[in-house]
Amino acid sequence: MPPPKKNLLVQVEEYLALALILPIATLVGYVIGYFLDRAFGTSFLKIVFLLLGVISGFVQVIRQLKQESRNAGQ
């Protein structure tokens, strides 16, 4: 028996979340680095945390895509 089709709103939510994960993770990493730079008087933590945000965003996107492919195969 084929799995039931998802509601349109559920599909929209999943794709919207997928599209927003990377930019939000990047922004959060940058903001954390910015405030740490201001607190410690440095200028490199923005870049470090920006890169950590980008990496974590990609990891989350890959996890989400793997989960979706597993759910589609069932």
N, C-alpha and C. Protein backbone atom coordinates (compact mmCIF):
# COMPACT_ATOMS: atom_id res chain seq x y z
N MET A 1 0.84 -1.17 0.00
CA MET A 1 0.00 0.00 0.00
C MET A 1 0.89 1.24 0.00
N PRO A 2 0.68 2.19 -0.92
CA PRO A 2 1.52 3.39 -0.97
C PRO A 2 1.25 4.30 0.23
N PRO A 3 2.29 5.03 0.65
CA PRO A 3 2.09 5.92 1.79
C PRO A 3 1.14 7.05 1.41
N PRO A 4 0.39 7.56 2.40
CA PRO A 4 -0.54 8.65 2.10
C PRO A 4 0.22 9.92 1.71
N LYS A 5 -0.39 10.68 0.81
CA LYS A 5 0.24 11.93 0.38
C LYS A 5 0.16 12.96 1.49
N LYS A 6 1.18 13.80 1.57
CA LYS A 6 1.21 14.83 2.58
C LYS A 6 0.32 15.99 2.18
N ASN A 7 -0.20 16.65 3.18
CA ASN A 7 -0.99 17.84 2.97
C ASN A 7 -0.12 18.92 2.32
N LEU A 8 -0.72 19.78 1.53
CA LEU A 8 0.03 20.84 0.84
C LEU A 8 0.72 21.76 1.83
N LEU A 9 0.05 22.11 2.93
CA LEU A 9 0.67 22.99 3.92
C LEU A 9 1.87 22.33 4.60
N VAL A 10 1.81 21.04 4.79
CA VAL A 10 2.94 20.32 5.39
C VAL A 10 4.13 20.33 4.44
N GLN A 11 3.87 20.13 3.16
CA GLN A 11 4.94 20.18 2.17
C GLN A 11 5.55 21.58 2.09
N VAL A 12 4.71 22.61 2.11
CA VAL A 12 5.22 23.98 2.06
C VAL A 12 6.09 24.26 3.28
N GLU A 13 5.66 23.82 4.44
CA GLU A 13 6.43 24.04 5.66
C GLU A 13 7.78 23.34 5.59
N GLU A 14 7.81 22.12 5.08
CA GLU A 14 9.07 21.39 5.00
C GLU A 14 10.05 22.07 4.05
N TYR A 15 9.58 22.50 2.90
CA TYR A 15 10.47 23.15 1.94
C TYR A 15 10.88 24.55 2.40
N LEU A 16 9.99 25.24 3.09
CA LEU A 16 10.34 26.56 3.61
C LEU A 16 11.41 26.44 4.70
N ALA A 17 11.24 25.46 5.57
CA ALA A 17 12.24 25.23 6.61
C ALA A 17 13.59 24.86 5.99
N LEU A 18 13.55 24.05 4.96
CA LEU A 18 14.77 23.65 4.28
C LEU A 18 15.47 24.86 3.64
N ALA A 19 14.68 25.77 3.10
CA ALA A 19 15.26 26.95 2.45
C ALA A 19 15.80 27.95 3.46
N LEU A 20 15.27 27.96 4.68
CA LEU A 20 15.69 28.96 5.66
C LEU A 20 16.79 28.49 6.61
N ILE A 21 17.06 27.20 6.64
CA ILE A 21 18.05 26.67 7.58
C ILE A 21 19.42 27.29 7.35
N LEU A 22 19.89 27.29 6.13
CA LEU A 22 21.25 27.77 5.84
C LEU A 22 21.42 29.26 6.12
N PRO A 23 20.55 30.14 5.61
CA PRO A 23 20.77 31.56 5.91
C PRO A 23 20.62 31.91 7.39
N ILE A 24 19.70 31.26 8.09
CA ILE A 24 19.52 31.57 9.50
C ILE A 24 20.72 31.09 10.32
N ALA A 25 21.23 29.90 10.02
CA ALA A 25 22.41 29.41 10.73
C ALA A 25 23.62 30.30 10.48
N THR A 26 23.76 30.78 9.25
CA THR A 26 24.85 31.69 8.92
C THR A 26 24.71 33.00 9.68
N LEU A 27 23.52 33.54 9.72
CA LEU A 27 23.28 34.80 10.42
C LEU A 27 23.53 34.65 11.92
N VAL A 28 23.07 33.56 12.50
CA VAL A 28 23.27 33.34 13.94
C VAL A 28 24.77 33.23 14.24
N GLY A 29 25.50 32.50 13.41
CA GLY A 29 26.94 32.39 13.62
C GLY A 29 27.64 33.74 13.54
N TYR A 30 27.24 34.56 12.57
CA TYR A 30 27.84 35.88 12.43
C TYR A 30 27.53 36.77 13.63
N VAL A 31 26.29 36.75 14.07
CA VAL A 31 25.89 37.59 15.20
C VAL A 31 26.62 37.19 16.47
N ILE A 32 26.75 35.89 16.71
CA ILE A 32 27.51 35.44 17.88
C ILE A 32 28.95 35.91 17.79
N GLY A 33 29.56 35.75 16.62
CA GLY A 33 30.94 36.21 16.44
C GLY A 33 31.08 37.71 16.59
N TYR A 34 30.10 38.46 16.09
CA TYR A 34 30.13 39.92 16.20
C TYR A 34 30.13 40.35 17.67
N PHE A 35 29.22 39.77 18.46
CA PHE A 35 29.15 40.16 19.86
C PHE A 35 30.36 39.70 20.65
N LEU A 36 30.91 38.54 20.31
CA LEU A 36 32.14 38.10 20.98
C LEU A 36 33.31 39.00 20.60
N ASP A 37 33.36 39.44 19.35
CA ASP A 37 34.40 40.39 18.94
C ASP A 37 34.30 41.68 19.74
N ARG A 38 33.11 42.17 19.90
CA ARG A 38 32.93 43.41 20.67
C ARG A 38 33.28 43.20 22.14
N ALA A 39 32.94 42.04 22.68
CA ALA A 39 33.21 41.78 24.09
C ALA A 39 34.70 41.62 24.37
N PHE A 40 35.43 40.97 23.45
CA PHE A 40 36.84 40.70 23.68
C PHE A 40 37.78 41.65 22.96
N GLY A 41 37.24 42.54 22.15
CA GLY A 41 38.07 43.50 21.44
C GLY A 41 38.88 42.88 20.31
N THR A 42 38.38 41.83 19.72
CA THR A 42 39.08 41.18 18.62
C THR A 42 38.35 41.47 17.31
N SER A 43 38.89 40.95 16.21
CA SER A 43 38.23 41.18 14.92
C SER A 43 38.14 39.92 14.06
N PHE A 44 38.51 38.78 14.60
CA PHE A 44 38.51 37.56 13.79
C PHE A 44 37.39 36.59 14.16
N LEU A 45 36.76 36.78 15.30
CA LEU A 45 35.74 35.83 15.74
C LEU A 45 34.49 35.87 14.86
N LYS A 46 34.23 37.02 14.23
CA LYS A 46 33.10 37.10 13.30
C LYS A 46 33.26 36.07 12.19
N ILE A 47 34.46 36.02 11.65
CA ILE A 47 34.72 35.12 10.53
C ILE A 47 34.66 33.66 10.98
N VAL A 48 35.23 33.38 12.14
CA VAL A 48 35.24 32.01 12.66
C VAL A 48 33.82 31.52 12.88
N PHE A 49 33.00 32.34 13.54
CA PHE A 49 31.64 31.91 13.82
C PHE A 49 30.76 31.96 12.58
N LEU A 50 31.07 32.82 11.64
CA LEU A 50 30.36 32.81 10.36
C LEU A 50 30.59 31.47 9.65
N LEU A 51 31.84 31.03 9.62
CA LEU A 51 32.14 29.74 8.99
C LEU A 51 31.50 28.58 9.75
N LEU A 52 31.49 28.66 11.08
CA LEU A 52 30.81 27.62 11.86
C LEU A 52 29.31 27.61 11.57
N GLY A 53 28.72 28.78 11.39
CA GLY A 53 27.31 28.86 11.05
C GLY A 53 27.02 28.27 9.69
N VAL A 54 27.88 28.55 8.71
CA VAL A 54 27.69 27.99 7.37
C VAL A 54 27.81 26.47 7.42
N ILE A 55 28.81 25.97 8.12
CA ILE A 55 29.01 24.53 8.22
C ILE A 55 27.82 23.87 8.91
N SER A 56 27.36 24.46 10.00
CA SER A 56 26.22 23.86 10.70
C SER A 56 24.96 23.93 9.86
N GLY A 57 24.80 24.98 9.06
CA GLY A 57 23.66 25.06 8.16
C GLY A 57 23.69 23.96 7.12
N PHE A 58 24.85 23.71 6.53
CA PHE A 58 24.97 22.63 5.55
C PHE A 58 24.71 21.27 6.18
N VAL A 59 25.20 21.07 7.39
CA VAL A 59 24.97 19.80 8.08
C VAL A 59 23.47 19.59 8.30
N GLN A 60 22.78 20.63 8.72
CA GLN A 60 21.34 20.52 8.95
C GLN A 60 20.59 20.26 7.65
N VAL A 61 20.97 20.93 6.58
CA VAL A 61 20.32 20.71 5.28
C VAL A 61 20.52 19.26 4.84
N ILE A 62 21.73 18.74 4.98
CA ILE A 62 22.00 17.36 4.59
C ILE A 62 21.19 16.39 5.44
N ARG A 63 21.13 16.64 6.76
CA ARG A 63 20.33 15.78 7.64
C ARG A 63 18.86 15.79 7.23
N GLN A 64 18.34 16.96 6.95
CA GLN A 64 16.94 17.08 6.56
C GLN A 64 16.67 16.34 5.25
N LEU A 65 17.57 16.51 4.28
CA LEU A 65 17.39 15.83 3.00
C LEU A 65 17.47 14.31 3.14
N LYS A 66 18.39 13.83 3.99
CA LYS A 66 18.48 12.39 4.23
C LYS A 66 17.20 11.86 4.86
N GLN A 67 16.66 12.61 5.82
CA GLN A 67 15.43 12.19 6.47
C GLN A 67 14.27 12.16 5.49
N GLU A 68 14.21 13.17 4.63
CA GLU A 68 13.14 13.21 3.64
C GLU A 68 13.25 12.08 2.64
N SER A 69 14.48 11.75 2.25
CA SER A 69 14.64 10.64 1.29
C SER A 69 14.28 9.31 1.93
N ARG A 70 14.59 9.15 3.23
CA ARG A 70 14.19 7.93 3.94
C ARG A 70 12.67 7.83 4.03
N ASN A 71 12.03 8.95 4.35
CA ASN A 71 10.57 8.94 4.49
C ASN A 71 9.89 8.72 3.13
N ALA A 72 10.48 9.20 2.06
CA ALA A 72 9.88 9.03 0.72
C ALA A 72 10.02 7.59 0.25
N GLY A 73 11.07 6.89 0.72
CA GLY A 73 11.29 5.51 0.30
C GLY A 73 10.43 4.50 1.01
N GLN A 74 9.78 4.89 2.08
CA GLN A 74 8.95 3.96 2.85
C GLN A 74 7.60 3.78 2.25
